[in-house]
PDB file of all heavy atoms in Angstrom:
ATOM      1  N   HIS A   1      11.519 -14.140  -7.550  1.00  0.00           N
ATOM      2  CA  HIS A   1      10.880 -12.964  -7.099  1.00  0.00           C
ATOM      3  C   HIS A   1       9.374 -12.853  -7.338  1.00  0.00           C
ATOM      4  O   HIS A   1       8.927 -12.920  -8.515  1.00  0.00           O
ATOM      5  CB  HIS A   1      11.724 -11.734  -7.679  1.00  0.00           C
ATOM      6  CG  HIS A   1      11.315 -10.527  -7.109  1.00  0.00           C
ATOM      7  ND1 HIS A   1      10.236  -9.691  -7.550  1.00  0.00           N
ATOM      8  CD2 HIS A   1      11.759  -9.795  -6.029  1.00  0.00           C
ATOM      9  CE1 HIS A   1      10.042  -8.586  -6.768  1.00  0.00           C
ATOM     10  NE2 HIS A   1      11.088  -8.541  -5.824  1.00  0.00           N
ATOM     11  N   SER A   2       8.527 -12.690  -6.427  1.00  0.00           N
ATOM     12  CA  SER A   2       7.074 -12.454  -6.701  1.00  0.00           C
ATOM     13  C   SER A   2       6.845 -11.019  -6.899  1.00  0.00           C
ATOM     14  O   SER A   2       7.329 -10.091  -6.127  1.00  0.00           O
ATOM     15  CB  SER A   2       6.285 -12.898  -5.440  1.00  0.00           C
ATOM     16  OG  SER A   2       6.466 -14.228  -5.274  1.00  0.00           O
ATOM     17  N   PRO A   3       6.077 -10.683  -7.934  1.00  0.00           N
ATOM     18  CA  PRO A   3       5.689  -9.197  -8.079  1.00  0.00           C
ATOM     19  C   PRO A   3       4.895  -8.665  -6.819  1.00  0.00           C
ATOM     20  O   PRO A   3       4.274  -9.508  -6.167  1.00  0.00           O
ATOM     21  CB  PRO A   3       4.776  -9.253  -9.297  1.00  0.00           C
ATOM     22  CG  PRO A   3       4.290 -10.633  -9.427  1.00  0.00           C
ATOM     23  CD  PRO A   3       5.346 -11.564  -8.787  1.00  0.00           C
ATOM     24  N   PHE A   4       5.164  -7.342  -6.529  1.00  0.00           N
ATOM     25  CA  PHE A   4       4.504  -6.774  -5.443  1.00  0.00           C
ATOM     26  C   PHE A   4       3.167  -6.155  -6.059  1.00  0.00           C
ATOM     27  O   PHE A   4       3.195  -5.376  -7.002  1.00  0.00           O
ATOM     28  CB  PHE A   4       5.240  -5.729  -4.824  1.00  0.00           C
ATOM     29  CG  PHE A   4       4.716  -5.190  -3.609  1.00  0.00           C
ATOM     30  CD1 PHE A   4       4.439  -5.818  -2.431  1.00  0.00           C
ATOM     31  CD2 PHE A   4       4.305  -3.824  -3.624  1.00  0.00           C
ATOM     32  CE1 PHE A   4       3.941  -5.218  -1.332  1.00  0.00           C
ATOM     33  CE2 PHE A   4       3.712  -3.156  -2.515  1.00  0.00           C
ATOM     34  CZ  PHE A   4       3.542  -3.896  -1.461  1.00  0.00           C
ATOM     35  N   ILE A   5       2.046  -6.467  -5.465  1.00  0.00           N
ATOM     36  CA  ILE A   5       0.692  -6.028  -5.893  1.00  0.00           C
ATOM     37  C   ILE A   5       0.128  -5.366  -4.657  1.00  0.00           C
ATOM     38  O   ILE A   5      -0.012  -5.955  -3.568  1.00  0.00           O
ATOM     39  CB  ILE A   5      -0.174  -7.158  -6.455  1.00  0.00           C
ATOM     40  CG1 ILE A   5       0.446  -7.740  -7.630  1.00  0.00           C
ATOM     41  CG2 ILE A   5      -1.609  -6.536  -6.814  1.00  0.00           C
ATOM     42  CD1 ILE A   5      -0.142  -9.146  -8.081  1.00  0.00           C
ATOM     43  N   LEU A   6      -0.245  -4.083  -4.742  1.00  0.00           N
ATOM     44  CA  LEU A   6      -0.916  -3.414  -3.671  1.00  0.00           C
ATOM     45  C   LEU A   6      -2.404  -2.976  -4.155  1.00  0.00           C
ATOM     46  O   LEU A   6      -2.428  -2.294  -5.215  1.00  0.00           O
ATOM     47  CB  LEU A   6      -0.103  -2.260  -3.292  1.00  0.00           C
ATOM     48  CG  LEU A   6      -0.437  -1.455  -2.020  1.00  0.00           C
ATOM     49  CD1 LEU A   6       0.825  -0.878  -1.421  1.00  0.00           C
ATOM     50  CD2 LEU A   6      -1.464  -0.469  -2.273  1.00  0.00           C
ATOM     51  N   THR A   7      -3.314  -3.297  -3.364  1.00  0.00           N
ATOM     52  CA  THR A   7      -4.696  -2.744  -3.765  1.00  0.00           C
ATOM     53  C   THR A   7      -5.305  -2.075  -2.567  1.00  0.00           C
ATOM     54  O   THR A   7      -4.865  -2.417  -1.384  1.00  0.00           O
ATOM     55  CB  THR A   7      -5.715  -4.042  -4.201  1.00  0.00           C
ATOM     56  OG1 THR A   7      -5.758  -4.919  -3.070  1.00  0.00           O
ATOM     57  CG2 THR A   7      -5.306  -4.495  -5.407  1.00  0.00           C
ATOM     58  N   VAL A   8      -6.082  -1.074  -2.748  1.00  0.00           N
ATOM     59  CA  VAL A   8      -6.656  -0.196  -1.780  1.00  0.00           C
ATOM     60  C   VAL A   8      -8.213  -0.338  -1.632  1.00  0.00           C
ATOM     61  O   VAL A   8      -8.840  -0.422  -2.664  1.00  0.00           O
ATOM     62  CB  VAL A   8      -6.324   1.237  -2.076  1.00  0.00           C
ATOM     63  CG1 VAL A   8      -6.872   2.250  -0.957  1.00  0.00           C
ATOM     64  CG2 VAL A   8      -4.686   1.481  -2.354  1.00  0.00           C
ATOM     65  N   GLU A   9      -8.602  -0.478  -0.418  1.00  0.00           N
ATOM     66  CA  GLU A   9      -9.969  -0.595  -0.215  1.00  0.00           C
ATOM     67  C   GLU A   9     -10.361   0.435   0.836  1.00  0.00           C
ATOM     68  O   GLU A   9      -9.709   0.392   2.007  1.00  0.00           O
ATOM     69  CB  GLU A   9     -10.455  -1.997   0.379  1.00  0.00           C
ATOM     70  CG  GLU A   9     -11.847  -2.245   0.558  1.00  0.00           C
ATOM     71  CD  GLU A   9     -12.061  -3.563   1.048  1.00  0.00           C
ATOM     72  OE1 GLU A   9     -11.254  -4.508   0.822  1.00  0.00           O
ATOM     73  OE2 GLU A   9     -13.186  -3.739   1.770  1.00  0.00           O
ATOM     74  N   ALA A  10     -11.232   1.389   0.771  1.00  0.00           N
ATOM     75  CA  ALA A  10     -11.490   2.428   1.599  1.00  0.00           C
ATOM     76  C   ALA A  10     -12.867   2.458   2.120  1.00  0.00           C
ATOM     77  O   ALA A  10     -13.877   2.082   1.307  1.00  0.00           O
ATOM     78  CB  ALA A  10     -11.227   3.774   0.922  1.00  0.00           C
ATOM     79  N   GLY A  11     -13.065   2.762   3.349  1.00  0.00           N
ATOM     80  CA  GLY A  11     -14.405   2.879   3.897  1.00  0.00           C
ATOM     81  C   GLY A  11     -14.416   4.031   4.893  1.00  0.00           C
ATOM     82  O   GLY A  11     -13.323   4.770   5.011  1.00  0.00           O
ATOM     83  N   PRO A  12     -15.502   4.347   5.556  1.00  0.00           N
ATOM     84  CA  PRO A  12     -15.560   5.537   6.547  1.00  0.00           C
ATOM     85  C   PRO A  12     -14.576   5.408   7.666  1.00  0.00           C
ATOM     86  O   PRO A  12     -14.543   4.362   8.382  1.00  0.00           O
ATOM     87  CB  PRO A  12     -16.993   5.403   7.057  1.00  0.00           C
ATOM     88  CG  PRO A  12     -17.721   4.546   6.151  1.00  0.00           C
ATOM     89  CD  PRO A  12     -16.746   3.583   5.531  1.00  0.00           C
ATOM     90  N   GLY A  13     -13.575   6.216   7.670  1.00  0.00           N
ATOM     91  CA  GLY A  13     -12.608   6.384   8.612  1.00  0.00           C
ATOM     92  C   GLY A  13     -11.410   5.220   8.505  1.00  0.00           C
ATOM     93  O   GLY A  13     -10.575   5.031   9.397  1.00  0.00           O
ATOM     94  N   THR A  14     -11.527   4.324   7.544  1.00  0.00           N
ATOM     95  CA  THR A  14     -10.613   3.231   7.409  1.00  0.00           C
ATOM     96  C   THR A  14     -10.122   2.989   5.971  1.00  0.00           C
ATOM     97  O   THR A  14     -10.942   3.141   5.128  1.00  0.00           O
ATOM     98  CB  THR A  14     -11.418   1.802   7.815  1.00  0.00           C
ATOM     99  OG1 THR A  14     -11.837   1.941   9.189  1.00  0.00           O
ATOM    100  CG2 THR A  14     -10.445   0.716   7.706  1.00  0.00           C
ATOM    101  N   VAL A  15      -8.927   2.722   5.903  1.00  0.00           N
ATOM    102  CA  VAL A  15      -8.379   2.324   4.571  1.00  0.00           C
ATOM    103  C   VAL A  15      -7.564   0.992   4.830  1.00  0.00           C
ATOM    104  O   VAL A  15      -6.900   0.884   5.694  1.00  0.00           O
ATOM    105  CB  VAL A  15      -7.362   3.346   4.003  1.00  0.00           C
ATOM    106  CG1 VAL A  15      -6.643   2.889   2.784  1.00  0.00           C
ATOM    107  CG2 VAL A  15      -8.222   4.613   3.706  1.00  0.00           C
ATOM    108  N   SER A  16      -7.858   0.018   4.028  1.00  0.00           N
ATOM    109  CA  SER A  16      -7.137  -1.239   3.872  1.00  0.00           C
ATOM    110  C   SER A  16      -6.258  -1.332   2.761  1.00  0.00           C
ATOM    111  O   SER A  16      -6.612  -1.080   1.609  1.00  0.00           O
ATOM    112  CB  SER A  16      -8.126  -2.406   3.958  1.00  0.00           C
ATOM    113  OG  SER A  16      -8.728  -2.464   5.033  1.00  0.00           O
ATOM    114  N   LEU A  17      -5.029  -1.533   2.973  1.00  0.00           N
ATOM    115  CA  LEU A  17      -4.006  -1.699   1.881  1.00  0.00           C
ATOM    116  C   LEU A  17      -3.720  -3.278   1.785  1.00  0.00           C
ATOM    117  O   LEU A  17      -3.185  -3.847   2.843  1.00  0.00           O
ATOM    118  CB  LEU A  17      -2.731  -1.008   2.167  1.00  0.00           C
ATOM    119  CG  LEU A  17      -2.810   0.508   2.286  1.00  0.00           C
ATOM    120  CD1 LEU A  17      -1.469   1.082   2.438  1.00  0.00           C
ATOM    121  CD2 LEU A  17      -3.327   1.105   0.963  1.00  0.00           C
ATOM    122  N   HIS A  18      -4.061  -3.912   0.752  1.00  0.00           N
ATOM    123  CA  HIS A  18      -3.898  -5.438   0.679  1.00  0.00           C
ATOM    124  C   HIS A  18      -2.539  -5.584  -0.046  1.00  0.00           C
ATOM    125  O   HIS A  18      -2.356  -5.116  -1.224  1.00  0.00           O
ATOM    126  CB  HIS A  18      -5.050  -5.949  -0.162  1.00  0.00           C
ATOM    127  CG  HIS A  18      -6.463  -5.719   0.503  1.00  0.00           C
ATOM    128  ND1 HIS A  18      -6.922  -6.446   1.584  1.00  0.00           N
ATOM    129  CD2 HIS A  18      -7.289  -4.885   0.287  1.00  0.00           C
ATOM    130  CE1 HIS A  18      -8.169  -6.040   1.965  1.00  0.00           C
ATOM    131  NE2 HIS A  18      -8.299  -4.952   1.096  1.00  0.00           N
ATOM    132  N   LEU A  19      -1.683  -6.254   0.646  1.00  0.00           N
ATOM    133  CA  LEU A  19      -0.347  -6.497   0.077  1.00  0.00           C
ATOM    134  C   LEU A  19      -0.286  -8.049  -0.470  1.00  0.00           C
ATOM    135  O   LEU A  19      -0.636  -8.808   0.303  1.00  0.00           O
ATOM    136  CB  LEU A  19       0.698  -6.394   1.276  1.00  0.00           C
ATOM    137  CG  LEU A  19       0.458  -5.046   2.104  1.00  0.00           C
ATOM    138  CD1 LEU A  19       1.556  -5.084   3.154  1.00  0.00           C
ATOM    139  CD2 LEU A  19       0.491  -3.824   1.317  1.00  0.00           C
ATOM    140  N   ALA A  20       0.456  -8.048  -1.620  1.00  0.00           N
ATOM    141  CA  ALA A  20       0.633  -9.444  -2.150  1.00  0.00           C
ATOM    142  C   ALA A  20       2.006  -9.539  -2.814  1.00  0.00           C
ATOM    143  O   ALA A  20       2.474  -8.535  -3.343  1.00  0.00           O
ATOM    144  CB  ALA A  20      -0.528  -9.706  -3.173  1.00  0.00           C
ATOM    145  N   GLY A  21       2.765 -10.512  -2.673  1.00  0.00           N
ATOM    146  CA  GLY A  21       4.041 -10.760  -3.228  1.00  0.00           C
ATOM    147  C   GLY A  21       5.188 -10.437  -2.352  1.00  0.00           C
ATOM    148  O   GLY A  21       4.989 -10.679  -1.149  1.00  0.00           O
ATOM    149  N   ASP A  22       6.160  -9.840  -2.854  1.00  0.00           N
ATOM    150  CA  ASP A  22       7.379  -9.461  -2.025  1.00  0.00           C
ATOM    151  C   ASP A  22       7.579  -7.931  -1.723  1.00  0.00           C
ATOM    152  O   ASP A  22       7.401  -7.193  -2.496  1.00  0.00           O
ATOM    153  CB  ASP A  22       8.676  -9.851  -2.850  1.00  0.00           C
ATOM    154  CG  ASP A  22       8.851 -11.351  -3.123  1.00  0.00           C
ATOM    155  OD1 ASP A  22       8.008 -12.155  -2.623  1.00  0.00           O
ATOM    156  OD2 ASP A  22       9.639 -11.719  -3.932  1.00  0.00           O
ATOM    157  N   LEU A  23       7.678  -7.877  -0.301  1.00  0.00           N
ATOM    158  CA  LEU A  23       7.842  -6.532   0.227  1.00  0.00           C
ATOM    159  C   LEU A  23       9.370  -6.422   0.397  1.00  0.00           C
ATOM    160  O   LEU A  23       9.808  -7.047   1.457  1.00  0.00           O
ATOM    161  CB  LEU A  23       6.986  -6.223   1.399  1.00  0.00           C
ATOM    162  CG  LEU A  23       7.151  -4.863   2.066  1.00  0.00           C
ATOM    163  CD1 LEU A  23       6.858  -3.765   1.037  1.00  0.00           C
ATOM    164  CD2 LEU A  23       6.289  -4.725   3.299  1.00  0.00           C
ATOM    165  N   ASP A  24       9.983  -5.679  -0.322  1.00  0.00           N
ATOM    166  CA  ASP A  24      11.606  -5.808  -0.223  1.00  0.00           C
ATOM    167  C   ASP A  24      12.071  -4.342  -0.712  1.00  0.00           C
ATOM    168  O   ASP A  24      11.372  -3.344  -0.912  1.00  0.00           O
ATOM    169  CB  ASP A  24      12.182  -6.856  -1.079  1.00  0.00           C
ATOM    170  CG  ASP A  24      11.764  -6.914  -2.545  1.00  0.00           C
ATOM    171  OD1 ASP A  24      11.274  -5.828  -3.104  1.00  0.00           O
ATOM    172  OD2 ASP A  24      11.993  -7.888  -3.285  1.00  0.00           O
ATOM    173  N   TYR A  25      13.418  -4.308  -0.980  1.00  0.00           N
ATOM    174  CA  TYR A  25      14.171  -3.105  -1.460  1.00  0.00           C
ATOM    175  C   TYR A  25      13.451  -2.475  -2.500  1.00  0.00           C
ATOM    176  O   TYR A  25      13.362  -1.200  -2.537  1.00  0.00           O
ATOM    177  CB  TYR A  25      15.650  -3.456  -1.633  1.00  0.00           C
ATOM    178  CG  TYR A  25      16.349  -2.309  -2.108  1.00  0.00           C
ATOM    179  CD1 TYR A  25      16.957  -1.387  -1.153  1.00  0.00           C
ATOM    180  CD2 TYR A  25      16.595  -2.100  -3.522  1.00  0.00           C
ATOM    181  CE1 TYR A  25      17.579  -0.184  -1.574  1.00  0.00           C
ATOM    182  CE2 TYR A  25      17.426  -0.997  -3.883  1.00  0.00           C
ATOM    183  CZ  TYR A  25      17.889  -0.043  -2.987  1.00  0.00           C
ATOM    184  OH  TYR A  25      18.643   0.955  -3.445  1.00  0.00           O
ATOM    185  N   ALA A  26      13.066  -3.304  -3.512  1.00  0.00           N
ATOM    186  CA  ALA A  26      12.532  -2.723  -4.770  1.00  0.00           C
ATOM    187  C   ALA A  26      11.032  -2.311  -4.579  1.00  0.00           C
ATOM    188  O   ALA A  26      10.608  -1.533  -5.392  1.00  0.00           O
ATOM    189  CB  ALA A  26      12.622  -3.787  -5.831  1.00  0.00           C
ATOM    190  N   THR A  27      10.355  -2.739  -3.581  1.00  0.00           N
ATOM    191  CA  THR A  27       8.981  -2.459  -3.492  1.00  0.00           C
ATOM    192  C   THR A  27       8.544  -1.632  -2.278  1.00  0.00           C
ATOM    193  O   THR A  27       7.294  -1.104  -2.193  1.00  0.00           O
ATOM    194  CB  THR A  27       8.144  -3.757  -3.563  1.00  0.00           C
ATOM    195  OG1 THR A  27       8.501  -4.579  -2.508  1.00  0.00           O
ATOM    196  CG2 THR A  27       8.383  -4.440  -4.870  1.00  0.00           C
ATOM    197  N   SER A  28       9.290  -1.491  -1.268  1.00  0.00           N
ATOM    198  CA  SER A  28       8.860  -0.831  -0.056  1.00  0.00           C
ATOM    199  C   SER A  28       8.625   0.654  -0.173  1.00  0.00           C
ATOM    200  O   SER A  28       7.584   1.043   0.431  1.00  0.00           O
ATOM    201  CB  SER A  28      10.033  -1.072   1.133  1.00  0.00           C
ATOM    202  OG  SER A  28      11.177  -0.497   0.606  1.00  0.00           O
ATOM    203  N   ASP A  29       9.286   1.299  -1.156  1.00  0.00           N
ATOM    204  CA  ASP A  29       8.838   2.770  -1.294  1.00  0.00           C
ATOM    205  C   ASP A  29       7.364   2.790  -1.663  1.00  0.00           C
ATOM    206  O   ASP A  29       6.675   3.874  -1.407  1.00  0.00           O
ATOM    207  CB  ASP A  29       9.916   3.395  -2.311  1.00  0.00           C
ATOM    208  CG  ASP A  29      11.188   3.688  -1.722  1.00  0.00           C
ATOM    209  OD1 ASP A  29      11.291   3.610  -0.466  1.00  0.00           O
ATOM    210  OD2 ASP A  29      12.115   3.957  -2.482  1.00  0.00           O
ATOM    211  N   GLU A  30       7.062   1.881  -2.663  1.00  0.00           N
ATOM    212  CA  GLU A  30       5.591   1.971  -3.099  1.00  0.00           C
ATOM    213  C   GLU A  30       4.633   1.843  -1.965  1.00  0.00           C
ATOM    214  O   GLU A  30       3.624   2.668  -1.938  1.00  0.00           O
ATOM    215  CB  GLU A  30       5.424   0.886  -4.143  1.00  0.00           C
ATOM    216  CG  GLU A  30       3.988   0.870  -4.704  1.00  0.00           C
ATOM    217  CD  GLU A  30       3.735  -0.303  -5.585  1.00  0.00           C
ATOM    218  OE1 GLU A  30       4.755  -1.042  -6.014  1.00  0.00           O
ATOM    219  OE2 GLU A  30       2.633  -0.525  -6.014  1.00  0.00           O
ATOM    220  N   LEU A  31       4.864   1.005  -1.011  1.00  0.00           N
ATOM    221  CA  LEU A  31       3.902   0.849   0.200  1.00  0.00           C
ATOM    222  C   LEU A  31       4.017   2.143   1.019  1.00  0.00           C
ATOM    223  O   LEU A  31       2.881   2.676   1.401  1.00  0.00           O
ATOM    224  CB  LEU A  31       4.392  -0.371   0.994  1.00  0.00           C
ATOM    225  CG  LEU A  31       3.587  -0.571   2.273  1.00  0.00           C
ATOM    226  CD1 LEU A  31       2.082  -0.618   2.015  1.00  0.00           C
ATOM    227  CD2 LEU A  31       4.127  -1.716   3.161  1.00  0.00           C
ATOM    228  N   VAL A  32       5.060   2.637   1.367  1.00  0.00           N
ATOM    229  CA  VAL A  32       5.183   3.972   1.953  1.00  0.00           C
ATOM    230  C   VAL A  32       4.519   5.021   1.327  1.00  0.00           C
ATOM    231  O   VAL A  32       3.751   5.826   1.873  1.00  0.00           O
ATOM    232  CB  VAL A  32       6.741   4.232   2.400  1.00  0.00           C
ATOM    233  CG1 VAL A  32       6.725   5.688   2.944  1.00  0.00           C
ATOM    234  CG2 VAL A  32       7.276   3.209   3.210  1.00  0.00           C
ATOM    235  N   GLN A  33       4.609   5.160   0.069  1.00  0.00           N
ATOM    236  CA  GLN A  33       4.093   6.275  -0.749  1.00  0.00           C
ATOM    237  C   GLN A  33       2.466   6.001  -0.615  1.00  0.00           C
ATOM    238  O   GLN A  33       1.710   7.010  -0.529  1.00  0.00           O
ATOM    239  CB  GLN A  33       4.437   6.181  -2.145  1.00  0.00           C
ATOM    240  CG  GLN A  33       5.987   6.781  -2.281  1.00  0.00           C
ATOM    241  CD  GLN A  33       6.425   6.568  -3.708  1.00  0.00           C
ATOM    242  OE1 GLN A  33       5.733   6.089  -4.623  1.00  0.00           O
ATOM    243  NE2 GLN A  33       7.754   6.997  -3.939  1.00  0.00           N
ATOM    244  N   HIS A  34       1.880   4.876  -0.804  1.00  0.00           N
ATOM    245  CA  HIS A  34       0.477   4.641  -0.680  1.00  0.00           C
ATOM    246  C   HIS A  34       0.039   4.899   0.639  1.00  0.00           C
ATOM    247  O   HIS A  34      -1.077   5.586   0.820  1.00  0.00           O
ATOM    248  CB  HIS A  34       0.130   3.106  -1.047  1.00  0.00           C
ATOM    249  CG  HIS A  34      -0.152   3.004  -2.528  1.00  0.00           C
ATOM    250  ND1 HIS A  34       0.943   2.809  -3.383  1.00  0.00           N
ATOM    251  CD2 HIS A  34      -1.261   3.006  -3.212  1.00  0.00           C
ATOM    252  CE1 HIS A  34       0.327   2.583  -4.589  1.00  0.00           C
ATOM    253  NE2 HIS A  34      -0.955   2.771  -4.400  1.00  0.00           N
ATOM    254  N   ALA A  35       0.760   4.559   1.698  1.00  0.00           N
ATOM    255  CA  ALA A  35       0.166   4.796   3.088  1.00  0.00           C
ATOM    256  C   ALA A  35       0.314   6.280   3.285  1.00  0.00           C
ATOM    257  O   ALA A  35      -0.737   6.902   3.952  1.00  0.00           O
ATOM    258  CB  ALA A  35       1.174   4.050   4.091  1.00  0.00           C
ATOM    259  N   ASP A  36       1.342   6.958   2.896  1.00  0.00           N
ATOM    260  CA  ASP A  36       1.414   8.464   3.062  1.00  0.00           C
ATOM    261  C   ASP A  36       0.262   9.183   2.385  1.00  0.00           C
ATOM    262  O   ASP A  36      -0.288  10.143   2.891  1.00  0.00           O
ATOM    263  CB  ASP A  36       2.799   8.877   2.585  1.00  0.00           C
ATOM    264  CG  ASP A  36       3.126  10.263   3.070  1.00  0.00           C
ATOM    265  OD1 ASP A  36       2.829  10.502   4.325  1.00  0.00           O
ATOM    266  OD2 ASP A  36       3.637  11.114   2.344  1.00  0.00           O
ATOM    267  N   HIS A  37      -0.035   8.788   1.196  1.00  0.00           N
ATOM    268  CA  HIS A  37      -1.113   9.250   0.348  1.00  0.00           C
ATOM    269  C   HIS A  37      -2.401   9.125   1.194  1.00  0.00           C
ATOM    270  O   HIS A  37      -3.266  10.057   1.138  1.00  0.00           O
ATOM    271  CB  HIS A  37      -1.242   8.624  -0.948  1.00  0.00           C
ATOM    272  CG  HIS A  37      -2.366   9.075  -1.862  1.00  0.00           C
ATOM    273  ND1 HIS A  37      -2.316  10.435  -2.464  1.00  0.00           N
ATOM    274  CD2 HIS A  37      -3.519   8.630  -2.096  1.00  0.00           C
ATOM    275  CE1 HIS A  37      -3.522  10.622  -3.143  1.00  0.00           C
ATOM    276  NE2 HIS A  37      -4.179   9.613  -2.843  1.00  0.00           N
ATOM    277  N   CYS A  38      -2.699   8.027   1.750  1.00  0.00           N
ATOM    278  CA  CYS A  38      -3.938   7.757   2.450  1.00  0.00           C
ATOM    279  C   CYS A  38      -3.906   8.720   3.641  1.00  0.00           C
ATOM    280  O   CYS A  38      -4.991   9.334   4.017  1.00  0.00           O
ATOM    281  CB  CYS A  38      -3.971   6.409   2.932  1.00  0.00           C
ATOM    282  SG  CYS A  38      -4.147   5.148   1.783  1.00  0.00           S
ATOM    283  N   LEU A  39      -2.811   8.979   4.373  1.00  0.00           N
ATOM    284  CA  LEU A  39      -2.729   9.662   5.604  1.00  0.00           C
ATOM    285  C   LEU A  39      -3.015  11.195   5.200  1.00  0.00           C
ATOM    286  O   LEU A  39      -3.472  11.917   5.965  1.00  0.00           O
ATOM    287  CB  LEU A  39      -1.388   9.455   6.316  1.00  0.00           C
ATOM    288  CG  LEU A  39      -1.230   8.191   6.962  1.00  0.00           C
ATOM    289  CD1 LEU A  39       0.250   7.993   7.334  1.00  0.00           C
ATOM    290  CD2 LEU A  39      -2.161   8.124   8.163  1.00  0.00           C
ATOM    291  N   THR A  40      -2.467  11.624   4.047  1.00  0.00           N
ATOM    292  CA  THR A  40      -2.512  12.979   3.714  1.00  0.00           C
ATOM    293  C   THR A  40      -3.844  13.406   3.094  1.00  0.00           C
ATOM    294  O   THR A  40      -4.341  14.545   3.210  1.00  0.00           O
ATOM    295  CB  THR A  40      -1.370  13.446   2.926  1.00  0.00           C
ATOM    296  OG1 THR A  40      -1.251  12.718   1.698  1.00  0.00           O
ATOM    297  CG2 THR A  40      -0.048  13.487   3.624  1.00  0.00           C
ATOM    298  N   THR A  41      -4.512  12.562   2.440  1.00  0.00           N
ATOM    299  CA  THR A  41      -5.663  12.853   1.751  1.00  0.00           C
ATOM    300  C   THR A  41      -6.924  12.429   2.437  1.00  0.00           C
ATOM    301  O   THR A  41      -8.045  12.830   2.024  1.00  0.00           O
ATOM    302  CB  THR A  41      -5.791  12.153   0.280  1.00  0.00           C
ATOM    303  OG1 THR A  41      -5.791  10.754   0.483  1.00  0.00           O
ATOM    304  CG2 THR A  41      -4.617  12.617  -0.529  1.00  0.00           C
ATOM    305  N   ARG A  42      -6.818  11.681   3.525  1.00  0.00           N
ATOM    306  CA  ARG A  42      -7.913  11.340   4.330  1.00  0.00           C
ATOM    307  C   ARG A  42      -7.960  11.926   5.667  1.00  0.00           C
ATOM    308  O   ARG A  42      -7.572  11.141   6.728  1.00  0.00           O
ATOM    309  CB  ARG A  42      -8.134   9.822   4.372  1.00  0.00           C
ATOM    310  CG  ARG A  42      -8.209   9.009   3.057  1.00  0.00           C
ATOM    311  CD  ARG A  42      -9.629   9.061   2.607  1.00  0.00           C
ATOM    312  NE  ARG A  42     -10.688   8.670   3.559  1.00  0.00           N
ATOM    313  CZ  ARG A  42     -11.139   7.414   3.697  1.00  0.00           C
ATOM    314  NH1 ARG A  42     -10.837   6.525   2.882  1.00  0.00           N
ATOM    315  NH2 ARG A  42     -12.029   7.187   4.614  1.00  0.00           N
TER     316      ARG A  42
END
């Protein structure tokens, strides 16, 4: 199992979420939460 690493890079009108490792049952909620945070705060 590869650890899941998510980094965020933001610019005007754009956010990039850089995904590394395994996106699976154990890590998918983290991605959704980060994306939701970007959508609600930007």
